[in-house]
C-alpha atoms as a PDB file:
ATOM      1  CA  MET A   1     -21.429 -23.095   5.280  1.00  0.00           C
ATOM      2  CA  THR A   2     -18.444 -24.256   3.226  1.00  0.00           C
ATOM      3  CA  LEU A   3     -14.949 -22.944   2.505  1.00  0.00           C
ATOM      4  CA  THR A   4     -15.935 -22.566  -1.140  1.00  0.00           C
ATOM      5  CA  GLN A   5     -18.806 -20.276  -0.150  1.00  0.00           C
ATOM      6  CA  LEU A   6     -16.487 -18.188   2.013  1.00  0.00           C
ATOM      7  CA  ARG A   7     -13.899 -17.897  -0.761  1.00  0.00           C
ATOM      8  CA  VAL A   8     -16.614 -16.866  -3.202  1.00  0.00           C
ATOM      9  CA  LEU A   9     -17.916 -14.242  -0.780  1.00  0.00           C
ATOM     10  CA  VAL A  10     -14.446 -12.763  -0.300  1.00  0.00           C
ATOM     11  CA  GLU A  11     -13.571 -12.688  -3.996  1.00  0.00           C
ATOM     12  CA  VAL A  12     -16.920 -11.252  -5.116  1.00  0.00           C
ATOM     13  CA  ALA A  13     -16.526  -8.474  -2.548  1.00  0.00           C
ATOM     14  CA  GLU A  14     -12.897  -7.752  -3.394  1.00  0.00           C
ATOM     15  CA  GLN A  15     -13.160  -8.128  -7.169  1.00  0.00           C
ATOM     16  CA  GLY A  16     -16.296  -5.999  -7.261  1.00  0.00           C
ATOM     17  CA  GLY A  17     -18.472  -8.422  -9.189  1.00  0.00           C
ATOM     18  CA  PHE A  18     -19.513 -11.990  -9.913  1.00  0.00           C
ATOM     19  CA  THR A  19     -17.844 -12.281 -13.321  1.00  0.00           C
ATOM     20  CA  ALA A  20     -14.419 -11.089 -12.140  1.00  0.00           C
ATOM     21  CA  ALA A  21     -14.618 -13.366  -9.093  1.00  0.00           C
ATOM     22  CA  ALA A  22     -15.575 -16.330 -11.265  1.00  0.00           C
ATOM     23  CA  GLU A  23     -12.569 -15.774 -13.539  1.00  0.00           C
ATOM     24  CA  LEU A  24     -10.212 -15.578 -10.567  1.00  0.00           C
ATOM     25  CA  LEU A  25     -11.669 -18.663  -8.883  1.00  0.00           C
ATOM     26  CA  GLY A  26     -11.881 -20.728 -12.076  1.00  0.00           C
ATOM     27  CA  MET A  27     -15.644 -21.128 -11.680  1.00  0.00           C
ATOM     28  CA  SER A  28     -18.568 -20.281 -13.910  1.00  0.00           C
ATOM     29  CA  GLN A  29     -20.469 -17.085 -13.182  1.00  0.00           C
ATOM     30  CA  PRO A  30     -23.728 -18.978 -12.453  1.00  0.00           C
ATOM     31  CA  ALA A  31     -21.860 -21.198  -9.957  1.00  0.00           C
ATOM     32  CA  VAL A  32     -20.562 -18.118  -8.145  1.00  0.00           C
ATOM     33  CA  SER A  33     -24.054 -16.623  -8.051  1.00  0.00           C
ATOM     34  CA  ARG A  34     -25.494 -19.860  -6.665  1.00  0.00           C
ATOM     35  CA  ALA A  35     -22.802 -20.021  -3.958  1.00  0.00           C
ATOM     36  CA  VAL A  36     -23.618 -16.488  -2.817  1.00  0.00           C
ATOM     37  CA  ALA A  37     -27.372 -17.113  -2.921  1.00  0.00           C
ATOM     38  CA  SER A  38     -26.964 -20.322  -0.900  1.00  0.00           C
ATOM     39  CA  LEU A  39     -24.853 -18.524   1.698  1.00  0.00           C
ATOM     40  CA  GLU A  40     -27.399 -15.702   1.946  1.00  0.00           C
ATOM     41  CA  ARG A  41     -30.190 -18.235   2.542  1.00  0.00           C
ATOM     42  CA  GLU A  42     -28.140 -20.003   5.203  1.00  0.00           C
ATOM     43  CA  LEU A  43     -27.290 -16.756   7.007  1.00  0.00           C
ATOM     44  CA  GLY A  44     -30.779 -15.325   6.560  1.00  0.00           C
ATOM     45  CA  ALA A  45     -29.557 -11.978   5.231  1.00  0.00           C
ATOM     46  CA  ALA A  46     -28.669 -10.314   1.939  1.00  0.00           C
ATOM     47  CA  LEU A  47     -24.898  -9.895   1.609  1.00  0.00           C
ATOM     48  CA  PHE A  48     -24.842  -7.779  -1.559  1.00  0.00           C
ATOM     49  CA  VAL A  49     -26.947  -5.048  -3.062  1.00  0.00           C
ATOM     50  CA  ARG A  50     -27.192  -5.233  -6.843  1.00  0.00           C
ATOM     51  CA  HIS A  51     -27.434  -1.935  -8.708  1.00  0.00           C
ATOM     52  CA  ARG A  52     -26.834  -0.518 -12.163  1.00  0.00           C
ATOM     53  CA  ASP A  53     -23.123   0.118 -11.621  1.00  0.00           C
ATOM     54  CA  GLY A  54     -22.365  -3.251 -10.040  1.00  0.00           C
ATOM     55  CA  ILE A  55     -22.665  -4.578  -6.499  1.00  0.00           C
ATOM     56  CA  ALA A  56     -21.987  -3.361  -2.974  1.00  0.00           C
ATOM     57  CA  LEU A  57     -21.819  -5.117   0.368  1.00  0.00           C
ATOM     58  CA  THR A  58     -24.704  -4.649   2.758  1.00  0.00           C
ATOM     59  CA  GLU A  59     -23.934  -4.046   6.436  1.00  0.00           C
ATOM     60  CA  ALA A  60     -24.440  -7.777   7.033  1.00  0.00           C
ATOM     61  CA  GLY A  61     -22.200  -8.430   4.031  1.00  0.00           C
ATOM     62  CA  ARG A  62     -19.423  -6.217   5.382  1.00  0.00           C
ATOM     63  CA  ARG A  63     -19.422  -8.107   8.654  1.00  0.00           C
ATOM     64  CA  ALA A  64     -19.568 -11.496   6.936  1.00  0.00           C
ATOM     65  CA  HIS A  65     -16.792 -10.496   4.544  1.00  0.00           C
ATOM     66  CA  ALA A  66     -14.455  -9.494   7.394  1.00  0.00           C
ATOM     67  CA  ARG A  67     -15.113 -12.740   9.282  1.00  0.00           C
ATOM     68  CA  ALA A  68     -14.822 -14.867   6.143  1.00  0.00           C
ATOM     69  CA  ARG A  69     -11.479 -13.350   5.203  1.00  0.00           C
ATOM     70  CA  GLU A  70     -10.135 -13.952   8.696  1.00  0.00           C
ATOM     71  CA  ALA A  71     -11.448 -17.539   8.731  1.00  0.00           C
ATOM     72  CA  LEU A  72      -9.823 -18.264   5.365  1.00  0.00           C
ATOM     73  CA  ARG A  73      -6.549 -16.759   6.540  1.00  0.00           C
ATOM     74  CA  HIS A  74      -6.435 -19.104   9.530  1.00  0.00           C
ATOM     75  CA  PHE A  75      -7.455 -22.076   7.405  1.00  0.00           C
ATOM     76  CA  ASP A  76      -4.694 -21.363   4.878  1.00  0.00           C
ATOM     77  CA  LEU A  77      -2.209 -20.976   7.728  1.00  0.00           C
ATOM     78  CA  ILE A  78      -2.815 -24.579   8.813  1.00  0.00           C
ATOM     79  CA  ARG A  79      -1.314 -25.964   5.615  1.00  0.00           C
ATOM     80  CA  ALA A  80       1.431 -23.322   5.518  1.00  0.00           C
ATOM     81  CA  ASP A  81       2.439 -23.873   9.163  1.00  0.00           C
ATOM     82  CA  VAL A  82       2.561 -27.649   8.774  1.00  0.00           C
ATOM     83  CA  ALA A  83       4.707 -27.262   5.642  1.00  0.00           C
ATOM     84  CA  ALA A  84       6.991 -24.783   7.434  1.00  0.00           C
ATOM     85  CA  ALA A  85       7.449 -27.254  10.293  1.00  0.00           C
ATOM     86  CA  GLY A  86       8.914 -29.601   7.690  1.00  0.00           C
ATOM     87  CA  GLY A  87      11.196 -26.902   6.325  1.00  0.00           C
ATOM     88  CA  ARG A  88       9.021 -26.046   3.299  1.00  0.00           C
ATOM     89  CA  ILE A  89       7.610 -22.566   2.613  1.00  0.00           C
ATOM     90  CA  THR A  90       4.449 -22.816   0.523  1.00  0.00           C
ATOM     91  CA  GLY A  91       1.205 -20.971  -0.005  1.00  0.00           C
ATOM     92  CA  GLU A  92       0.488 -17.390  -0.950  1.00  0.00           C
ATOM     93  CA  LEU A  93       2.105 -14.089  -0.001  1.00  0.00           C
ATOM     94  CA  ARG A  94      -0.087 -11.005  -0.314  1.00  0.00           C
ATOM     95  CA  LEU A  95       2.248  -8.038  -0.484  1.00  0.00           C
ATOM     96  CA  ALA A  96       1.096  -4.415  -0.434  1.00  0.00           C
ATOM     97  CA  SER A  97       3.437  -1.673  -1.606  1.00  0.00           C
ATOM     98  CA  LEU A  98       3.642   2.057  -2.132  1.00  0.00           C
ATOM     99  CA  PRO A  99       3.893   3.017  -5.838  1.00  0.00           C
ATOM    100  CA  SER A 100       7.201   4.841  -5.282  1.00  0.00           C
ATOM    101  CA  ALA A 101       8.720   1.773  -3.622  1.00  0.00           C
ATOM    102  CA  THR A 102       7.567  -1.021  -5.937  1.00  0.00           C
ATOM    103  CA  GLY A 103      10.024  -0.579  -8.778  1.00  0.00           C
ATOM    104  CA  THR A 104      12.840   0.957  -6.757  1.00  0.00           C
ATOM    105  CA  LEU A 105      12.949  -1.264  -3.658  1.00  0.00           C
ATOM    106  CA  VAL A 106      10.443  -4.096  -3.739  1.00  0.00           C
ATOM    107  CA  ALA A 107      11.049  -5.524  -7.220  1.00  0.00           C
ATOM    108  CA  ARG A 108      14.616  -6.759  -6.602  1.00  0.00           C
ATOM    109  CA  LEU A 109      13.717  -8.094  -3.156  1.00  0.00           C
ATOM    110  CA  LEU A 110      10.710  -9.865  -4.622  1.00  0.00           C
ATOM    111  CA  ARG A 111      12.850 -11.407  -7.364  1.00  0.00           C
ATOM    112  CA  ALA A 112      15.285 -12.798  -4.785  1.00  0.00           C
ATOM    113  CA  PHE A 113      12.373 -14.145  -2.723  1.00  0.00           C
ATOM    114  CA  THR A 114      10.651 -15.872  -5.666  1.00  0.00           C
ATOM    115  CA  ASP A 115      13.971 -17.370  -6.785  1.00  0.00           C
ATOM    116  CA  ARG A 116      14.401 -18.870  -3.316  1.00  0.00           C
ATOM    117  CA  TYR A 117      10.745 -19.911  -2.896  1.00  0.00           C
ATOM    118  CA  PRO A 118       9.357 -20.589  -6.397  1.00  0.00           C
ATOM    119  CA  GLN A 119       6.446 -22.543  -4.934  1.00  0.00           C
ATOM    120  CA  VAL A 120       5.045 -19.440  -3.194  1.00  0.00           C
ATOM    121  CA  LYS A 121       2.424 -17.523  -5.150  1.00  0.00           C
ATOM    122  CA  VAL A 122       2.835 -13.764  -4.698  1.00  0.00           C
ATOM    123  CA  ARG A 123      -0.003 -11.282  -5.095  1.00  0.00           C
ATOM    124  CA  LEU A 124       1.309  -7.722  -5.258  1.00  0.00           C
ATOM    125  CA  PHE A 125      -0.965  -4.702  -5.054  1.00  0.00           C
ATOM    126  CA  GLU A 126      -0.342  -0.997  -4.547  1.00  0.00           C
ATOM    127  CA  GLY A 127      -1.948   1.795  -2.595  1.00  0.00           C
ATOM    128  CA  MET A 128      -1.270   4.848  -0.506  1.00  0.00           C
ATOM    129  CA  ASP A 129       0.160   4.539   3.007  1.00  0.00           C
ATOM    130  CA  ASP A 130      -3.266   4.550   4.681  1.00  0.00           C
ATOM    131  CA  ASP A 131      -4.461   1.859   2.256  1.00  0.00           C
ATOM    132  CA  VAL A 132      -1.511  -0.413   3.066  1.00  0.00           C
ATOM    133  CA  ARG A 133      -2.040  -0.018   6.820  1.00  0.00           C
ATOM    134  CA  ALA A 134      -5.751  -0.813   6.449  1.00  0.00           C
ATOM    135  CA  TRP A 135      -4.998  -3.908   4.341  1.00  0.00           C
ATOM    136  CA  LEU A 136      -2.573  -5.136   6.985  1.00  0.00           C
ATOM    137  CA  ARG A 137      -5.018  -4.401   9.784  1.00  0.00           C
ATOM    138  CA  HIS A 138      -7.913  -6.228   8.084  1.00  0.00           C
ATOM    139  CA  GLY A 139      -5.877  -9.167   6.781  1.00  0.00           C
ATOM    140  CA  ALA A 140      -6.036  -8.325   3.072  1.00  0.00           C
ATOM    141  CA  ALA A 141      -2.202  -8.257   3.045  1.00  0.00           C
ATOM    142  CA  GLU A 142       0.280 -10.243   5.121  1.00  0.00           C
ATOM    143  CA  VAL A 143       3.173  -7.812   4.657  1.00  0.00           C
ATOM    144  CA  GLY A 144       3.316  -4.233   3.410  1.00  0.00           C
ATOM    145  CA  VAL A 145       5.570  -1.258   2.788  1.00  0.00           C
ATOM    146  CA  VAL A 146       4.764   1.602   5.180  1.00  0.00           C
ATOM    147  CA  THR A 147       6.200   4.963   6.164  1.00  0.00           C
ATOM    148  CA  LEU A 148       7.776   5.078   9.612  1.00  0.00           C
ATOM    149  CA  PRO A 149       6.750   5.501  12.341  1.00  0.00           C
ATOM    150  CA  ALA A 150       4.116   2.758  12.197  1.00  0.00           C
ATOM    151  CA  PRO A 151       2.665   2.207  15.692  1.00  0.00           C
ATOM    152  CA  GLY A 152       0.888  -1.096  16.195  1.00  0.00           C
ATOM    153  CA  LEU A 153       2.883  -2.890  13.491  1.00  0.00           C
ATOM    154  CA  HIS A 154       6.055  -4.966  13.631  1.00  0.00           C
ATOM    155  CA  THR A 155       8.473  -3.288  11.206  1.00  0.00           C
ATOM    156  CA  VAL A 156      11.838  -4.007   9.587  1.00  0.00           C
ATOM    157  CA  HIS A 157      13.677  -0.999   8.159  1.00  0.00           C
ATOM    158  CA  LEU A 158      13.738  -0.941   4.369  1.00  0.00           C
ATOM    159  CA  SER A 159      15.123   2.415   3.206  1.00  0.00           C
ATOM    160  CA  THR A 160      15.784   6.006   4.255  1.00  0.00           C
ATOM    161  CA  HIS A 161      15.956   8.685   1.599  1.00  0.00           C
ATOM    162  CA  ASP A 162      15.927  12.469   1.290  1.00  0.00           C
ATOM    163  CA  MET A 163      12.971  14.762   0.792  1.00  0.00           C
ATOM    164  CA  VAL A 164      13.472  17.593  -1.709  1.00  0.00           C
ATOM    165  CA  CYS A 165      11.692  20.770  -2.657  1.00  0.00           C
ATOM    166  CA  VAL A 166      10.216  20.784  -6.171  1.00  0.00           C
ATOM    167  CA  LEU A 167       9.847  24.121  -7.942  1.00  0.00           C
ATOM    168  CA  PRO A 168       8.696  25.327 -11.356  1.00  0.00           C
ATOM    169  CA  SER A 169      11.581  25.943 -13.741  1.00  0.00           C
ATOM    170  CA  GLY A 170      12.605  29.581 -13.536  1.00  0.00           C
ATOM    171  CA  ASP A 171      11.355  29.996  -9.968  1.00  0.00           C
ATOM    172  CA  ARG A 172      13.438  32.478  -7.985  1.00  0.00           C
ATOM    173  CA  LEU A 173      14.263  29.805  -5.391  1.00  0.00           C
ATOM    174  CA  ALA A 174      15.800  27.617  -8.092  1.00  0.00           C
ATOM    175  CA  ALA A 175      18.855  29.872  -8.038  1.00  0.00           C
ATOM    176  CA  GLN A 176      19.578  28.851  -4.443  1.00  0.00           C
ATOM    177  CA  PRO A 177      21.702  25.763  -3.671  1.00  0.00           C
ATOM    178  CA  ALA A 178      19.151  24.695  -1.042  1.00  0.00           C
ATOM    179  CA  VAL A 179      15.691  25.725   0.138  1.00  0.00           C
ATOM    180  CA  ARG A 180      14.703  26.434   3.737  1.00  0.00           C
ATOM    181  CA  LEU A 181      11.146  25.878   4.912  1.00  0.00           C
ATOM    182  CA  PRO A 182      10.703  29.595   5.737  1.00  0.00           C
ATOM    183  CA  ASP A 183      11.416  30.269   2.046  1.00  0.00           C
ATOM    184  CA  LEU A 184       8.125  28.518   1.242  1.00  0.00           C
ATOM    185  CA  ALA A 185       5.958  30.652   3.544  1.00  0.00           C
ATOM    186  CA  GLY A 186       3.244  32.416   1.590  1.00  0.00           C
ATOM    187  CA  ARG A 187       3.865  30.356  -1.553  1.00  0.00           C
ATOM    188  CA  PRO A 188       1.028  28.198  -2.955  1.00  0.00           C
ATOM    189  CA  PHE A 189       1.892  24.721  -1.663  1.00  0.00           C
ATOM    190  CA  ILE A 190       0.815  21.374  -3.123  1.00  0.00           C
ATOM    191  CA  LEU A 191       0.553  18.918  -0.225  1.00  0.00           C
ATOM    192  CA  THR A 192       0.548  15.168  -0.606  1.00  0.00           C
ATOM    193  CA  THR A 193      -2.278  13.149   0.922  1.00  0.00           C
ATOM    194  CA  ALA A 194      -0.004  10.092   1.178  1.00  0.00           C
ATOM    195  CA  GLY A 195       2.308   8.888   3.936  1.00  0.00           C
ATOM    196  CA  CYS A 196       4.712  11.841   3.666  1.00  0.00           C
ATOM    197  CA  ARG A 197       2.039  14.295   4.767  1.00  0.00           C
ATOM    198  CA  PRO A 198       2.653  14.093   8.554  1.00  0.00           C
ATOM    199  CA  LEU A 199       6.399  14.362   7.942  1.00  0.00           C
ATOM    200  CA  ILE A 200       6.024  17.548   5.883  1.00  0.00           C
ATOM    201  CA  THR A 201       3.455  19.225   8.110  1.00  0.00           C
ATOM    202  CA  GLY A 202       5.415  18.261  11.232  1.00  0.00           C
ATOM    203  CA  ALA A 203       8.628  19.763   9.843  1.00  0.00           C
ATOM    204  CA  ALA A 204       6.792  22.965   8.915  1.00  0.00           C
ATOM    205  CA  LEU A 205       5.251  23.188  12.387  1.00  0.00           C
ATOM    206  CA  ALA A 206       8.643  22.655  14.045  1.00  0.00           C
ATOM    207  CA  ALA A 207      10.107  25.424  11.875  1.00  0.00           C
ATOM    208  CA  GLY A 208       7.234  27.769  12.723  1.00  0.00           C
ATOM    209  CA  VAL A 209       6.158  27.927   9.082  1.00  0.00           C
ATOM    210  CA  GLY A 210       2.532  28.037   8.031  1.00  0.00           C
ATOM    211  CA  LEU A 211       2.164  26.338   4.654  1.00  0.00           C
ATOM    212  CA  ASP A 212      -0.321  27.951   2.282  1.00  0.00           C
ATOM    213  CA  ILE A 213      -1.923  24.733   1.052  1.00  0.00           C
ATOM    214  CA  ALA A 214      -3.457  25.540  -2.317  1.00  0.00           C
ATOM    215  CA  PHE A 215      -3.875  21.989  -3.626  1.00  0.00           C
ATOM    216  CA  GLU A 216      -3.677  18.405  -2.402  1.00  0.00           C
ATOM    217  CA  ALA A 217      -2.743  15.358  -4.477  1.00  0.00           C
ATOM    218  CA  SER A 218      -2.126  11.701  -3.668  1.00  0.00           C
ATOM    219  CA  GLY A 219       0.699  10.693  -5.983  1.00  0.00           C
ATOM    220  CA  PRO A 220       4.084  12.226  -6.877  1.00  0.00           C
ATOM    221  CA  ALA A 221       3.280  12.172 -10.606  1.00  0.00           C
ATOM    222  CA  ALA A 222       0.273  14.448 -10.106  1.00  0.00           C
ATOM    223  CA  ILE A 223       2.252  16.742  -7.795  1.00  0.00           C
ATOM    224  CA  LEU A 224       5.091  17.080 -10.315  1.00  0.00           C
ATOM    225  CA  GLU A 225       2.666  17.889 -13.121  1.00  0.00           C
ATOM    226  CA  MET A 226       0.989  20.570 -11.000  1.00  0.00           C
ATOM    227  CA  VAL A 227       4.338  22.093 -10.045  1.00  0.00           C
ATOM    228  CA  GLY A 228       5.422  22.030 -13.696  1.00  0.00           C
ATOM    229  CA  ALA A 229       2.222  23.872 -14.607  1.00  0.00           C
ATOM    230  CA  GLY A 230       3.180  26.638 -12.179  1.00  0.00           C
ATOM    231  CA  LEU A 231       0.406  25.934  -9.687  1.00  0.00           C
ATOM    232  CA  GLY A 232       2.705  25.876  -6.666  1.00  0.00           C
ATOM    233  CA  VAL A 233       5.693  24.293  -4.971  1.00  0.00           C
ATOM    234  CA  SER A 234       5.934  21.072  -3.012  1.00  0.00           C
ATOM    235  CA  ILE A 235       8.137  18.655  -1.087  1.00  0.00           C
ATOM    236  CA  VAL A 236       8.478  15.058  -2.280  1.00  0.00           C
ATOM    237  CA  PRO A 237      10.722  12.050  -1.557  1.00  0.00           C
ATOM    238  CA  THR A 238      13.626  11.409  -3.896  1.00  0.00           C
ATOM    239  CA  LEU A 239      12.690   7.726  -4.067  1.00  0.00           C
ATOM    240  CA  GLY A 240      11.062   7.059  -7.407  1.00  0.00           C
ATOM    241  CA  LEU A 241      11.603  10.529  -8.843  1.00  0.00           C
ATOM    242  CA  PRO A 242      12.054  10.285 -12.625  1.00  0.00           C
ATOM    243  CA  ALA A 243      15.387  11.420 -14.048  1.00  0.00           C
ATOM    244  CA  ASP A 244      13.668  13.762 -16.506  1.00  0.00           C
ATOM    245  CA  LEU A 245      11.436  16.390 -14.908  1.00  0.00           C
ATOM    246  CA  PRO A 246      10.101  18.740 -17.622  1.00  0.00           C
ATOM    247  CA  GLY A 247       9.317  22.164 -16.228  1.00  0.00           C
ATOM    248  CA  VAL A 248      10.434  21.198 -12.721  1.00  0.00           C
ATOM    249  CA  VAL A 249      13.640  21.595 -10.717  1.00  0.00           C
ATOM    250  CA  THR A 250      14.530  20.008  -7.372  1.00  0.00           C
ATOM    251  CA  ARG A 251      16.539  21.530  -4.549  1.00  0.00           C
ATOM    252  CA  PRO A 252      17.662  19.933  -1.271  1.00  0.00           C
ATOM    253  CA  LEU A 253      16.099  21.129   1.944  1.00  0.00           C
ATOM    254  CA  GLU A 254      18.090  22.913   4.621  1.00  0.00           C
ATOM    255  CA  PRO A 255      18.111  21.473   7.216  1.00  0.00           C
ATOM    256  CA  GLY A 256      17.684  18.095   5.587  1.00  0.00           C
ATOM    257  CA  LEU A 257      14.502  16.080   5.877  1.00  0.00           C
ATOM    258  CA  THR A 258      14.334  12.311   5.341  1.00  0.00           C
ATOM    259  CA  ARG A 259      11.637   9.673   4.992  1.00  0.00           C
ATOM    260  CA  SER A 260      12.057   6.098   6.202  1.00  0.00           C
ATOM    261  CA  LEU A 261      10.185   3.101   4.824  1.00  0.00           C
ATOM    262  CA  ALA A 262       9.816  -0.336   6.369  1.00  0.00           C
ATOM    263  CA  LEU A 263       8.321  -3.719   5.696  1.00  0.00           C
ATOM    264  CA  ALA A 264       5.524  -4.280   8.200  1.00  0.00           C
ATOM    265  CA  VAL A 265       3.411  -7.153   9.500  1.00  0.00           C
ATOM    266  CA  PRO A 266       0.606  -6.865  12.067  1.00  0.00           C
ATOM    267  CA  SER A 267       2.357  -9.295  14.422  1.00  0.00           C
ATOM    268  CA  LEU A 268       5.597 -11.241  14.088  1.00  0.00           C
ATOM    269  CA  GLU A 269       4.288 -14.041  16.306  1.00  0.00           C
ATOM    270  CA  ASP A 270       1.068 -14.511  14.309  1.00  0.00           C
ATOM    271  CA  CYS A 271       2.277 -13.840  10.764  1.00  0.00           C
ATOM    272  CA  ALA A 272       2.173 -16.413   7.976  1.00  0.00           C
ATOM    273  CA  PRO A 273       5.339 -18.413   7.250  1.00  0.00           C
ATOM    274  CA  THR A 274       5.530 -16.752   3.821  1.00  0.00           C
ATOM    275  CA  ALA A 275       5.514 -13.286   5.416  1.00  0.00           C
ATOM    276  CA  ARG A 276       8.173 -14.267   7.947  1.00  0.00           C
ATOM    277  CA  ALA A 277      10.308 -15.706   5.119  1.00  0.00           C
ATOM    278  CA  PHE A 278       9.926 -12.444   3.192  1.00  0.00           C
ATOM    279  CA  LEU A 279      11.153 -10.463   6.198  1.00  0.00           C
ATOM    280  CA  ASP A 280      14.064 -12.883   6.568  1.00  0.00           C
ATOM    281  CA  GLU A 281      14.900 -12.364   2.890  1.00  0.00           C
ATOM    282  CA  LEU A 282      15.213  -8.624   3.519  1.00  0.00           C
ATOM    283  CA  ALA A 283      17.683  -9.278   6.328  1.00  0.00           C
ATOM    284  CA  ALA A 284      19.900 -11.203   3.906  1.00  0.00           C
ATOM    285  CA  PHE A 285      19.439  -8.794   0.975  1.00  0.00           C
ATOM    286  CA  THR A 286      21.391  -5.660   0.066  1.00  0.00           C
ATOM    287  CA  LEU A 287      19.142  -3.095  -1.595  1.00  0.00           C
END
């Protein structure tokens, strides 16, 4: 079993195919296929199922993939830790972000980090809050943007911003300077499936309000479109809201409701030097 085989296994699984993995690794597609076949023979089990729509990991493949990714992480940390001991930060930083935070918060921080550490390769990918937490937990990302609270993770506060009620233009509540949660009782409500969900449902429970959840959507763009179409009302964070909201108006909540975001790592003691340097960059950065 070689490191090349393990890297091929991880990339084929995460890129969803042999061709995409080959392009990323700078190998030919036949070479990637041979590496996987050789590893399957050595382990005595099929790691992938080939079907019309692509490939999928077998149960043995899922276990091998998790172990291979962890083994590669520790191997890569050897070089990074030795370099850090000499005052050099090198290697790769895998950063996971929420879509609403990437352009508004992460981009400027990332620019400052890459200016300071140009030798670090950054891989940025986006997902919902549950995705980011899973990537951190399984080692697919070294650092990620999460909604607080985040039990089990080491966090550094990133931003706190208001939540607002979004209403169709012309809605009777739009005439009010602010909206109270009891005002939303009995109204069709569009609830996010992202990290704000516990915050919204918890606030409604504390206020004794039963939300009439008519629809659920993952991203703010979809929620705003549904509100603009008159399908219901919702509550969203102000972070990342576009300046122009056709067919939609926003009103502050009374009492106010806020969401806090943080940069998170699974463990400060065991994190990669690149991840620790990224957290340190936040401490010295004014967003």
